[in-house]
Amino acid sequence: MKKEVLELWPELMWIQDEDLREKTAKTWELALEKSVLTPQDLNTIPFTLLCGPDLKVSFMAHKRCVVHVAKDAGEKMNSFFKSDLPVNMDVLIAGAILADVGKLLEYELKDGKSVQGMYGKYLRHPFSGVSLAEQCGVPAEVCHIIATHAGEGDMVKRTTEAFVVHHADFMTFEPFKDRLK
């Protein structure tokens, strides 16, 4: 696992399955290789292009918050529901970490500002994220979370882990969208 990815994602260490942890990290490494963005950019660019220039929350602040919210929710669900609705924590955490990895291919930098590039106009990040993850051997149940975390997932049946990541993502996005209109 490259040091720069572990610095971006200390939460990788929450994934108990070493193979899944490595494949999750490898997906981020591949995305960074293909992207114009650097790890430093991810800590400064806004997490979405949909809220305009007044948004100050960085890509990584949002992404790490989503992972923490999803982990906490999954742990509570396991505590309360036990085997009635089990949450696979490794799948949940890996899916939350990878949900927006495809955004690294969507963005371009113009005059120091992040903008949607041509690739992003044709392929949204759920699609490119699954492609990156599959190239790194990420299992289907995690790719499912990447594919269904955004609006595209409204057309399919989500797993429990995918529901948790979807809601963690939207609950930490929608309030900003509404505030900055």
N, C-alpha and C. Protein backbone atom coordinates (compact mmCIF):
# COMPACT_ATOMS: atom_id res chain seq x y z
N MET A 1 0.85 -1.17 0.00
CA MET A 1 0.00 0.00 0.00
C MET A 1 0.90 1.23 0.00
N LYS A 2 0.65 2.12 -0.94
CA LYS A 2 1.47 3.33 -1.03
C LYS A 2 1.17 4.27 0.13
N LYS A 3 2.24 4.91 0.59
CA LYS A 3 2.16 5.81 1.73
C LYS A 3 1.14 6.93 1.50
N GLU A 4 1.11 7.50 0.28
CA GLU A 4 0.20 8.62 0.00
C GLU A 4 -1.27 8.20 0.11
N VAL A 5 -1.57 6.97 -0.26
CA VAL A 5 -2.96 6.49 -0.15
C VAL A 5 -3.31 6.24 1.31
N LEU A 6 -2.40 5.69 2.06
CA LEU A 6 -2.65 5.47 3.49
C LEU A 6 -2.78 6.80 4.24
N GLU A 7 -2.03 7.81 3.82
CA GLU A 7 -2.18 9.14 4.43
C GLU A 7 -3.54 9.74 4.11
N LEU A 8 -4.03 9.53 2.89
CA LEU A 8 -5.37 10.00 2.53
C LEU A 8 -6.44 9.22 3.29
N TRP A 9 -6.20 7.92 3.44
CA TRP A 9 -7.21 7.00 3.95
C TRP A 9 -6.70 6.17 5.12
N PRO A 10 -6.50 6.76 6.31
CA PRO A 10 -6.14 5.93 7.46
C PRO A 10 -7.24 4.91 7.78
N GLU A 11 -8.46 5.18 7.33
CA GLU A 11 -9.60 4.29 7.55
C GLU A 11 -9.44 2.95 6.84
N LEU A 12 -8.49 2.86 5.91
CA LEU A 12 -8.22 1.56 5.27
C LEU A 12 -7.90 0.50 6.31
N MET A 13 -7.28 0.91 7.40
CA MET A 13 -6.88 -0.05 8.43
C MET A 13 -8.09 -0.62 9.18
N TRP A 14 -9.26 -0.06 9.01
CA TRP A 14 -10.47 -0.62 9.60
C TRP A 14 -10.91 -1.88 8.87
N ILE A 15 -10.45 -2.07 7.63
CA ILE A 15 -10.82 -3.26 6.85
C ILE A 15 -9.98 -4.42 7.36
N GLN A 16 -10.64 -5.40 7.97
CA GLN A 16 -9.95 -6.53 8.58
C GLN A 16 -9.36 -7.49 7.54
N ASP A 17 -10.07 -7.69 6.44
CA ASP A 17 -9.62 -8.60 5.38
C ASP A 17 -8.47 -7.93 4.63
N GLU A 18 -7.27 -8.47 4.82
CA GLU A 18 -6.07 -7.85 4.25
C GLU A 18 -6.14 -7.77 2.73
N ASP A 19 -6.66 -8.80 2.08
CA ASP A 19 -6.78 -8.80 0.63
C ASP A 19 -7.71 -7.69 0.15
N LEU A 20 -8.86 -7.53 0.80
CA LEU A 20 -9.79 -6.47 0.43
C LEU A 20 -9.17 -5.09 0.71
N ARG A 21 -8.47 -4.96 1.81
CA ARG A 21 -7.81 -3.69 2.13
C ARG A 21 -6.82 -3.32 1.03
N GLU A 22 -6.02 -4.29 0.58
CA GLU A 22 -5.02 -4.04 -0.47
C GLU A 22 -5.69 -3.68 -1.80
N LYS A 23 -6.76 -4.38 -2.15
CA LYS A 23 -7.47 -4.09 -3.40
C LYS A 23 -8.13 -2.72 -3.36
N THR A 24 -8.63 -2.34 -2.20
CA THR A 24 -9.24 -1.02 -2.03
C THR A 24 -8.17 0.06 -2.19
N ALA A 25 -7.03 -0.12 -1.55
CA ALA A 25 -5.92 0.84 -1.68
C ALA A 25 -5.42 0.89 -3.12
N LYS A 26 -5.31 -0.27 -3.76
CA LYS A 26 -4.82 -0.35 -5.13
C LYS A 26 -5.73 0.43 -6.08
N THR A 27 -7.03 0.41 -5.81
CA THR A 27 -7.98 1.15 -6.64
C THR A 27 -7.70 2.65 -6.55
N TRP A 28 -7.43 3.13 -5.34
CA TRP A 28 -7.09 4.55 -5.17
C TRP A 28 -5.76 4.87 -5.84
N GLU A 29 -4.80 3.96 -5.77
CA GLU A 29 -3.52 4.17 -6.43
C GLU A 29 -3.72 4.30 -7.95
N LEU A 30 -4.53 3.41 -8.52
CA LEU A 30 -4.81 3.45 -9.95
C LEU A 30 -5.51 4.75 -10.33
N ALA A 31 -6.49 5.15 -9.54
CA ALA A 31 -7.22 6.39 -9.83
C ALA A 31 -6.28 7.60 -9.80
N LEU A 32 -5.39 7.64 -8.83
CA LEU A 32 -4.43 8.75 -8.74
C LEU A 32 -3.46 8.74 -9.92
N GLU A 33 -3.07 7.55 -10.39
CA GLU A 33 -2.20 7.46 -11.57
C GLU A 33 -2.88 8.03 -12.81
N LYS A 34 -4.18 7.79 -12.93
CA LYS A 34 -4.93 8.20 -14.13
C LYS A 34 -5.45 9.64 -14.04
N SER A 35 -5.42 10.23 -12.87
CA SER A 35 -6.02 11.53 -12.63
C SER A 35 -5.02 12.67 -12.78
N VAL A 36 -5.54 13.84 -13.10
CA VAL A 36 -4.71 15.06 -13.07
C VAL A 36 -4.59 15.57 -11.63
N LEU A 37 -5.40 15.05 -10.74
CA LEU A 37 -5.40 15.50 -9.35
C LEU A 37 -4.33 14.79 -8.53
N THR A 38 -3.79 15.51 -7.57
CA THR A 38 -2.82 14.95 -6.64
C THR A 38 -3.51 14.71 -5.30
N PRO A 39 -2.89 13.95 -4.42
CA PRO A 39 -3.47 13.81 -3.07
C PRO A 39 -3.67 15.17 -2.39
N GLN A 40 -2.76 16.10 -2.63
CA GLN A 40 -2.91 17.43 -2.05
C GLN A 40 -4.15 18.14 -2.60
N ASP A 41 -4.41 17.98 -3.90
CA ASP A 41 -5.61 18.58 -4.50
C ASP A 41 -6.87 18.07 -3.82
N LEU A 42 -6.89 16.78 -3.47
CA LEU A 42 -8.09 16.19 -2.87
C LEU A 42 -8.42 16.80 -1.51
N ASN A 43 -7.42 17.37 -0.88
CA ASN A 43 -7.64 18.02 0.41
C ASN A 43 -8.01 19.49 0.27
N THR A 44 -8.06 19.99 -0.98
CA THR A 44 -8.41 21.41 -1.19
C THR A 44 -9.60 21.62 -2.12
N ILE A 45 -9.77 20.74 -3.13
CA ILE A 45 -10.87 20.96 -4.07
C ILE A 45 -12.21 20.70 -3.37
N PRO A 46 -13.29 21.36 -3.81
CA PRO A 46 -14.60 21.09 -3.21
C PRO A 46 -15.05 19.67 -3.53
N PHE A 47 -15.84 19.09 -2.63
CA PHE A 47 -16.24 17.69 -2.80
C PHE A 47 -17.25 17.49 -3.90
N THR A 48 -17.89 18.55 -4.35
CA THR A 48 -18.84 18.44 -5.46
C THR A 48 -18.76 19.70 -6.29
N LEU A 49 -19.10 19.56 -7.55
CA LEU A 49 -19.17 20.72 -8.45
C LEU A 49 -20.60 21.26 -8.52
N LEU A 50 -21.52 20.64 -7.81
CA LEU A 50 -22.94 20.99 -7.91
C LEU A 50 -23.37 22.13 -7.00
N CYS A 51 -22.52 22.55 -6.09
CA CYS A 51 -22.93 23.56 -5.10
C CYS A 51 -22.32 24.93 -5.33
N GLY A 52 -21.59 25.12 -6.39
CA GLY A 52 -21.04 26.43 -6.71
C GLY A 52 -19.76 26.75 -5.94
N PRO A 53 -19.25 27.95 -6.20
CA PRO A 53 -17.93 28.34 -5.69
C PRO A 53 -17.88 28.63 -4.18
N ASP A 54 -19.02 28.76 -3.54
CA ASP A 54 -19.02 29.09 -2.11
C ASP A 54 -18.77 27.89 -1.21
N LEU A 55 -18.78 26.70 -1.77
CA LEU A 55 -18.57 25.49 -0.97
C LEU A 55 -17.11 25.38 -0.56
N LYS A 56 -16.88 25.27 0.73
CA LYS A 56 -15.51 25.20 1.26
C LYS A 56 -15.11 23.80 1.72
N VAL A 57 -16.03 22.86 1.77
CA VAL A 57 -15.74 21.51 2.25
C VAL A 57 -14.97 20.76 1.17
N SER A 58 -13.81 20.23 1.56
CA SER A 58 -12.95 19.55 0.59
C SER A 58 -13.47 18.16 0.26
N PHE A 59 -12.97 17.66 -0.85
CA PHE A 59 -13.29 16.30 -1.30
C PHE A 59 -13.02 15.30 -0.19
N MET A 60 -11.82 15.35 0.40
CA MET A 60 -11.46 14.37 1.42
C MET A 60 -12.24 14.56 2.72
N ALA A 61 -12.55 15.78 3.10
CA ALA A 61 -13.35 15.98 4.32
C ALA A 61 -14.71 15.31 4.16
N HIS A 62 -15.33 15.51 3.01
CA HIS A 62 -16.63 14.88 2.76
C HIS A 62 -16.49 13.35 2.72
N LYS A 63 -15.52 12.86 1.94
CA LYS A 63 -15.39 11.42 1.77
C LYS A 63 -15.10 10.72 3.09
N ARG A 64 -14.21 11.28 3.87
CA ARG A 64 -13.88 10.64 5.15
C ARG A 64 -15.08 10.70 6.10
N CYS A 65 -15.84 11.78 6.06
CA CYS A 65 -17.05 11.87 6.88
C CYS A 65 -18.03 10.76 6.49
N VAL A 66 -18.22 10.55 5.20
CA VAL A 66 -19.12 9.49 4.73
C VAL A 66 -18.68 8.14 5.28
N VAL A 67 -17.39 7.86 5.24
CA VAL A 67 -16.88 6.58 5.74
C VAL A 67 -17.14 6.45 7.24
N HIS A 68 -16.91 7.50 7.98
CA HIS A 68 -17.14 7.45 9.44
C HIS A 68 -18.62 7.28 9.77
N VAL A 69 -19.48 8.02 9.07
CA VAL A 69 -20.93 7.90 9.31
C VAL A 69 -21.40 6.49 8.96
N ALA A 70 -20.94 5.97 7.82
CA ALA A 70 -21.34 4.62 7.39
C ALA A 70 -20.86 3.57 8.40
N LYS A 71 -19.63 3.69 8.86
CA LYS A 71 -19.09 2.73 9.83
C LYS A 71 -19.91 2.76 11.12
N ASP A 72 -20.16 3.96 11.63
CA ASP A 72 -20.94 4.08 12.86
C ASP A 72 -22.33 3.49 12.69
N ALA A 73 -22.97 3.77 11.55
CA ALA A 73 -24.31 3.24 11.30
C ALA A 73 -24.28 1.71 11.21
N GLY A 74 -23.30 1.17 10.50
CA GLY A 74 -23.18 -0.28 10.38
C GLY A 74 -22.97 -0.95 11.72
N GLU A 75 -22.14 -0.36 12.56
CA GLU A 75 -21.90 -0.92 13.89
C GLU A 75 -23.17 -0.89 14.74
N LYS A 76 -23.90 0.20 14.67
CA LYS A 76 -25.16 0.29 15.43
C LYS A 76 -26.18 -0.73 14.92
N MET A 77 -26.26 -0.89 13.61
CA MET A 77 -27.19 -1.86 13.05
C MET A 77 -26.83 -3.26 13.51
N ASN A 78 -25.54 -3.60 13.48
CA ASN A 78 -25.11 -4.92 13.95
C ASN A 78 -25.41 -5.10 15.43
N SER A 79 -25.25 -4.05 16.21
CA SER A 79 -25.51 -4.12 17.65
C SER A 79 -26.99 -4.34 17.95
N PHE A 80 -27.84 -3.63 17.24
CA PHE A 80 -29.28 -3.72 17.51
C PHE A 80 -29.97 -4.88 16.80
N PHE A 81 -29.58 -5.14 15.54
CA PHE A 81 -30.31 -6.12 14.74
C PHE A 81 -29.64 -7.48 14.68
N LYS A 82 -28.39 -7.56 15.04
CA LYS A 82 -27.61 -8.80 15.07
C LYS A 82 -27.80 -9.60 13.78
N SER A 83 -28.21 -10.83 13.84
CA SER A 83 -28.30 -11.66 12.64
C SER A 83 -29.57 -11.41 11.83
N ASP A 84 -30.48 -10.57 12.35
CA ASP A 84 -31.70 -10.25 11.59
C ASP A 84 -31.41 -9.35 10.39
N LEU A 85 -30.37 -8.53 10.49
CA LEU A 85 -29.98 -7.66 9.38
C LEU A 85 -28.47 -7.40 9.50
N PRO A 86 -27.67 -8.43 9.25
CA PRO A 86 -26.23 -8.28 9.45
C PRO A 86 -25.60 -7.36 8.42
N VAL A 87 -24.65 -6.57 8.88
CA VAL A 87 -23.89 -5.68 8.01
C VAL A 87 -22.45 -6.19 7.96
N ASN A 88 -21.98 -6.47 6.76
CA ASN A 88 -20.59 -6.89 6.58
C ASN A 88 -19.74 -5.63 6.64
N MET A 89 -19.04 -5.43 7.75
CA MET A 89 -18.31 -4.18 7.97
C MET A 89 -17.17 -3.98 6.99
N ASP A 90 -16.47 -5.03 6.60
CA ASP A 90 -15.40 -4.86 5.63
C ASP A 90 -15.94 -4.39 4.28
N VAL A 91 -17.02 -5.00 3.83
CA VAL A 91 -17.65 -4.61 2.57
C VAL A 91 -18.15 -3.17 2.67
N LEU A 92 -18.79 -2.84 3.77
CA LEU A 92 -19.33 -1.50 3.99
C LEU A 92 -18.21 -0.45 3.94
N ILE A 93 -17.15 -0.68 4.68
CA ILE A 93 -16.07 0.31 4.76
C ILE A 93 -15.35 0.43 3.41
N ALA A 94 -15.05 -0.70 2.78
CA ALA A 94 -14.41 -0.64 1.46
C ALA A 94 -15.30 0.09 0.46
N GLY A 95 -16.59 -0.20 0.47
CA GLY A 95 -17.51 0.48 -0.44
C GLY A 95 -17.60 1.97 -0.17
N ALA A 96 -17.60 2.36 1.08
CA ALA A 96 -17.65 3.78 1.43
C ALA A 96 -16.36 4.49 0.99
N ILE A 97 -15.23 3.84 1.19
CA ILE A 97 -13.95 4.43 0.77
C ILE A 97 -13.88 4.57 -0.75
N LEU A 98 -14.47 3.63 -1.47
CA LEU A 98 -14.37 3.62 -2.93
C LEU A 98 -15.53 4.32 -3.64
N ALA A 99 -16.56 4.72 -2.93
CA ALA A 99 -17.76 5.24 -3.59
C ALA A 99 -17.47 6.35 -4.60
N ASP A 100 -16.58 7.27 -4.27
CA ASP A 100 -16.31 8.40 -5.16
C ASP A 100 -14.95 8.34 -5.84
N VAL A 101 -14.30 7.18 -5.83
CA VAL A 101 -12.98 7.08 -6.44
C VAL A 101 -13.02 7.46 -7.92
N GLY A 102 -14.12 7.21 -8.60
CA GLY A 102 -14.25 7.56 -10.01
C GLY A 102 -14.25 9.05 -10.27
N LYS A 103 -14.54 9.85 -9.25
CA LYS A 103 -14.51 11.31 -9.43
C LYS A 103 -13.13 11.81 -9.82
N LEU A 104 -12.11 11.06 -9.47
CA LEU A 104 -10.76 11.48 -9.82
C LEU A 104 -10.57 11.54 -11.34
N LEU A 105 -11.40 10.81 -12.07
CA LEU A 105 -11.34 10.85 -13.53
C LEU A 105 -12.29 11.89 -14.12
N GLU A 106 -13.23 12.38 -13.33
CA GLU A 106 -14.21 13.36 -13.80
C GLU A 106 -13.65 14.78 -13.82
N TYR A 107 -12.77 15.07 -12.89
CA TYR A 107 -12.29 16.44 -12.71
C TYR A 107 -11.14 16.78 -13.64
N GLU A 108 -11.08 18.07 -13.99
CA GLU A 108 -9.91 18.67 -14.63
C GLU A 108 -9.60 19.93 -13.83
N LEU A 109 -8.38 20.40 -13.94
CA LEU A 109 -8.00 21.65 -13.30
C LEU A 109 -7.83 22.71 -14.38
N LYS A 110 -8.55 23.83 -14.23
CA LYS A 110 -8.42 24.96 -15.15
C LYS A 110 -8.20 26.20 -14.31
N ASP A 111 -7.09 26.86 -14.55
CA ASP A 111 -6.74 28.06 -13.80
C ASP A 111 -6.78 27.82 -12.29
N GLY A 112 -6.31 26.65 -11.88
CA GLY A 112 -6.26 26.31 -10.46
C GLY A 112 -7.58 25.89 -9.84
N LYS A 113 -8.63 25.85 -10.63
CA LYS A 113 -9.97 25.47 -10.14
C LYS A 113 -10.35 24.11 -10.71
N SER A 114 -11.07 23.34 -9.90
CA SER A 114 -11.54 22.04 -10.39
C SER A 114 -12.84 22.23 -11.16
N VAL A 115 -12.89 21.60 -12.32
CA VAL A 115 -14.07 21.66 -13.19
C VAL A 115 -14.32 20.26 -13.73
N GLN A 116 -15.53 20.05 -14.23
CA GLN A 116 -15.84 18.77 -14.85
C GLN A 116 -15.14 18.68 -16.20
N GLY A 117 -14.40 17.62 -16.40
CA GLY A 117 -13.71 17.41 -17.67
C GLY A 117 -14.58 16.67 -18.66
N MET A 118 -14.05 16.47 -19.85
CA MET A 118 -14.79 15.78 -20.91
C MET A 118 -15.16 14.36 -20.48
N TYR A 119 -14.22 13.66 -19.83
CA TYR A 119 -14.51 12.29 -19.38
C TYR A 119 -15.72 12.28 -18.46
N GLY A 120 -15.77 13.23 -17.53
CA GLY A 120 -16.87 13.32 -16.59
C GLY A 120 -18.20 13.67 -17.22
N LYS A 121 -18.16 14.32 -18.37
CA LYS A 121 -19.40 14.64 -19.08
C LYS A 121 -20.03 13.40 -19.68
N TYR A 122 -19.20 12.40 -19.98
CA TYR A 122 -19.70 11.18 -20.59
C TYR A 122 -19.93 10.05 -19.60
N LEU A 123 -19.07 9.96 -18.59
CA LEU A 123 -19.17 8.87 -17.61
C LEU A 123 -19.14 9.42 -16.20
N ARG A 124 -20.23 9.26 -15.48
CA ARG A 124 -20.24 9.69 -14.08
C ARG A 124 -19.42 8.72 -13.22
N HIS A 125 -19.07 9.19 -12.07
CA HIS A 125 -18.14 8.45 -11.20
C HIS A 125 -18.61 7.08 -10.74
N PRO A 126 -19.90 6.78 -10.62
CA PRO A 126 -20.25 5.39 -10.28
C PRO A 126 -19.76 4.40 -11.34
N PHE A 127 -19.82 4.80 -12.61
CA PHE A 127 -19.39 3.91 -13.69
C PHE A 127 -17.87 3.80 -13.72
N SER A 128 -17.17 4.93 -13.70
CA SER A 128 -15.71 4.88 -13.75
C SER A 128 -15.16 4.26 -12.48
N GLY A 129 -15.82 4.48 -11.34
CA GLY A 129 -15.37 3.88 -10.09
C GLY A 129 -15.43 2.36 -10.13
N VAL A 130 -16.52 1.82 -10.66
CA VAL A 130 -16.63 0.36 -10.79
C VAL A 130 -15.54 -0.17 -11.73
N SER A 131 -15.30 0.54 -12.82
CA SER A 131 -14.27 0.11 -13.76
C SER A 131 -12.90 0.06 -13.09
N LEU A 132 -12.55 1.10 -12.35
CA LEU A 132 -11.27 1.12 -11.63
C LEU A 132 -11.19 -0.03 -10.63
N ALA A 133 -12.26 -0.21 -9.86
CA ALA A 133 -12.28 -1.25 -8.82
C ALA A 133 -12.16 -2.65 -9.42
N GLU A 134 -12.87 -2.89 -10.52
CA GLU A 134 -12.79 -4.21 -11.15
C GLU A 134 -11.39 -4.49 -11.67
N GLN A 135 -10.71 -3.47 -12.17
CA GLN A 135 -9.33 -3.65 -12.64
C GLN A 135 -8.41 -4.07 -11.51
N CYS A 136 -8.79 -3.75 -10.28
CA CYS A 136 -7.96 -4.07 -9.11
C CYS A 136 -8.46 -5.30 -8.36
N GLY A 137 -9.46 -5.99 -8.92
CA GLY A 137 -9.94 -7.23 -8.32
C GLY A 137 -10.88 -7.05 -7.15
N VAL A 138 -11.46 -5.86 -7.00
CA VAL A 138 -12.42 -5.62 -5.91
C VAL A 138 -13.65 -6.49 -6.14
N PRO A 139 -14.14 -7.17 -5.11
CA PRO A 139 -15.28 -8.09 -5.29
C PRO A 139 -16.59 -7.37 -5.65
N ALA A 140 -17.47 -8.14 -6.25
CA ALA A 140 -18.74 -7.61 -6.77
C ALA A 140 -19.57 -6.91 -5.70
N GLU A 141 -19.59 -7.42 -4.46
CA GLU A 141 -20.43 -6.80 -3.43
C GLU A 141 -19.95 -5.40 -3.07
N VAL A 142 -18.66 -5.13 -3.26
CA VAL A 142 -18.14 -3.77 -3.04
C VAL A 142 -18.40 -2.92 -4.28
N CYS A 143 -18.19 -3.48 -5.47
CA CYS A 143 -18.49 -2.75 -6.71
C CYS A 143 -19.96 -2.34 -6.75
N HIS A 144 -20.83 -3.19 -6.21
CA HIS A 144 -22.26 -2.87 -6.13
C HIS A 144 -22.48 -1.57 -5.35
N ILE A 145 -21.75 -1.38 -4.28
CA ILE A 145 -21.88 -0.15 -3.48
C ILE A 145 -21.44 1.06 -4.29
N ILE A 146 -20.32 0.94 -4.99
CA ILE A 146 -19.84 2.03 -5.84
C ILE A 146 -20.91 2.38 -6.88
N ALA A 147 -21.44 1.35 -7.53
CA ALA A 147 -22.41 1.54 -8.61
C ALA A 147 -23.73 2.15 -8.13
N THR A 148 -24.12 1.85 -6.89
CA THR A 148 -25.46 2.23 -6.43
C THR A 148 -25.48 3.35 -5.40
N HIS A 149 -24.33 3.92 -5.06
CA HIS A 149 -24.33 4.93 -4.00
C HIS A 149 -24.99 6.23 -4.42
N ALA A 150 -25.02 6.52 -5.70
CA ALA A 150 -25.61 7.77 -6.21
C ALA A 150 -26.98 7.49 -6.83
N GLY A 151 -27.51 8.47 -7.51
CA GLY A 151 -28.84 8.35 -8.10
C GLY A 151 -29.00 7.18 -9.06
N GLU A 152 -27.91 6.80 -9.72
CA GLU A 152 -27.98 5.65 -10.64
C GLU A 152 -28.46 4.40 -9.92
N GLY A 153 -28.21 4.30 -8.64
CA GLY A 153 -28.60 3.14 -7.87
C GLY A 153 -30.08 3.05 -7.56
N ASP A 154 -30.82 4.11 -7.85
CA ASP A 154 -32.25 4.11 -7.57
C ASP A 154 -33.00 3.12 -8.47
N MET A 155 -32.33 2.62 -9.49
CA MET A 155 -32.98 1.72 -10.44
C MET A 155 -32.76 0.24 -10.12
N VAL A 156 -31.98 -0.05 -9.08
CA VAL A 156 -31.70 -1.44 -8.74
C VAL A 156 -31.95 -1.68 -7.26
N LYS A 157 -32.00 -2.95 -6.89
CA LYS A 157 -32.16 -3.30 -5.48
C LYS A 157 -30.80 -3.21 -4.80
N ARG A 158 -30.70 -2.37 -3.78
CA ARG A 158 -29.44 -2.20 -3.06
C ARG A 158 -29.32 -3.22 -1.93
N THR A 159 -28.07 -3.63 -1.67
CA THR A 159 -27.79 -4.44 -0.49
C THR A 159 -27.88 -3.54 0.75
N THR A 160 -27.88 -4.14 1.91
CA THR A 160 -27.91 -3.37 3.15
C THR A 160 -26.72 -2.42 3.21
N GLU A 161 -25.54 -2.91 2.89
CA GLU A 161 -24.34 -2.08 2.93
C GLU A 161 -24.45 -0.92 1.94
N ALA A 162 -25.03 -1.18 0.76
CA ALA A 162 -25.20 -0.12 -0.24
C ALA A 162 -26.18 0.94 0.25
N PHE A 163 -27.26 0.53 0.93
CA PHE A 163 -28.19 1.49 1.51
C PHE A 163 -27.49 2.40 2.52
N VAL A 164 -26.68 1.80 3.36
CA VAL A 164 -25.99 2.59 4.40
C VAL A 164 -25.06 3.62 3.75
N VAL A 165 -24.26 3.21 2.78
CA VAL A 165 -23.34 4.15 2.13
C VAL A 165 -24.13 5.22 1.36
N HIS A 166 -25.15 4.82 0.66
CA HIS A 166 -25.99 5.77 -0.08
C HIS A 166 -26.53 6.86 0.86
N HIS A 167 -27.08 6.44 1.98
CA HIS A 167 -27.66 7.42 2.90
C HIS A 167 -26.59 8.24 3.61
N ALA A 168 -25.46 7.64 3.95
CA ALA A 168 -24.36 8.40 4.56
C ALA A 168 -23.87 9.47 3.59
N ASP A 169 -23.78 9.12 2.32
CA ASP A 169 -23.33 10.07 1.30
C ASP A 169 -24.33 11.21 1.14
N PHE A 170 -25.61 10.87 0.99
CA PHE A 170 -26.60 11.91 0.73
C PHE A 170 -26.89 12.77 1.96
N MET A 171 -26.81 12.19 3.15
CA MET A 171 -27.07 13.02 4.34
C MET A 171 -25.94 14.01 4.60
N THR A 172 -24.77 13.76 4.00
CA THR A 172 -23.66 14.70 4.14
C THR A 172 -23.45 15.52 2.87
N PHE A 173 -24.42 15.46 1.95
CA PHE A 173 -24.39 16.24 0.72
C PHE A 173 -25.60 17.15 0.57
N GLU A 174 -26.79 16.58 0.70
CA GLU A 174 -28.02 17.34 0.47
C GLU A 174 -28.13 18.63 1.29
N PRO A 175 -27.79 18.63 2.57
CA PRO A 175 -27.89 19.89 3.31
C PRO A 175 -27.01 21.01 2.73
N PHE A 176 -25.84 20.67 2.18
CA PHE A 176 -25.00 21.68 1.54
C PHE A 176 -25.65 22.18 0.27
N LYS A 177 -26.18 21.26 -0.52
CA LYS A 177 -26.83 21.60 -1.77
C LYS A 177 -27.98 22.58 -1.53
N ASP A 178 -28.78 22.29 -0.52
CA ASP A 178 -29.92 23.16 -0.21
C ASP A 178 -29.49 24.51 0.34
N ARG A 179 -28.41 24.54 1.13
CA ARG A 179 -27.93 25.79 1.73
C ARG A 179 -27.30 26.74 0.72
N LEU A 180 -26.67 26.18 -0.29
CA LEU A 180 -25.87 27.00 -1.21
C LEU A 180 -26.59 27.30 -2.52
N LYS A 181 -27.89 27.11 -2.57
CA LYS A 181 -28.63 27.40 -3.79
C LYS A 181 -28.72 28.89 -4.02
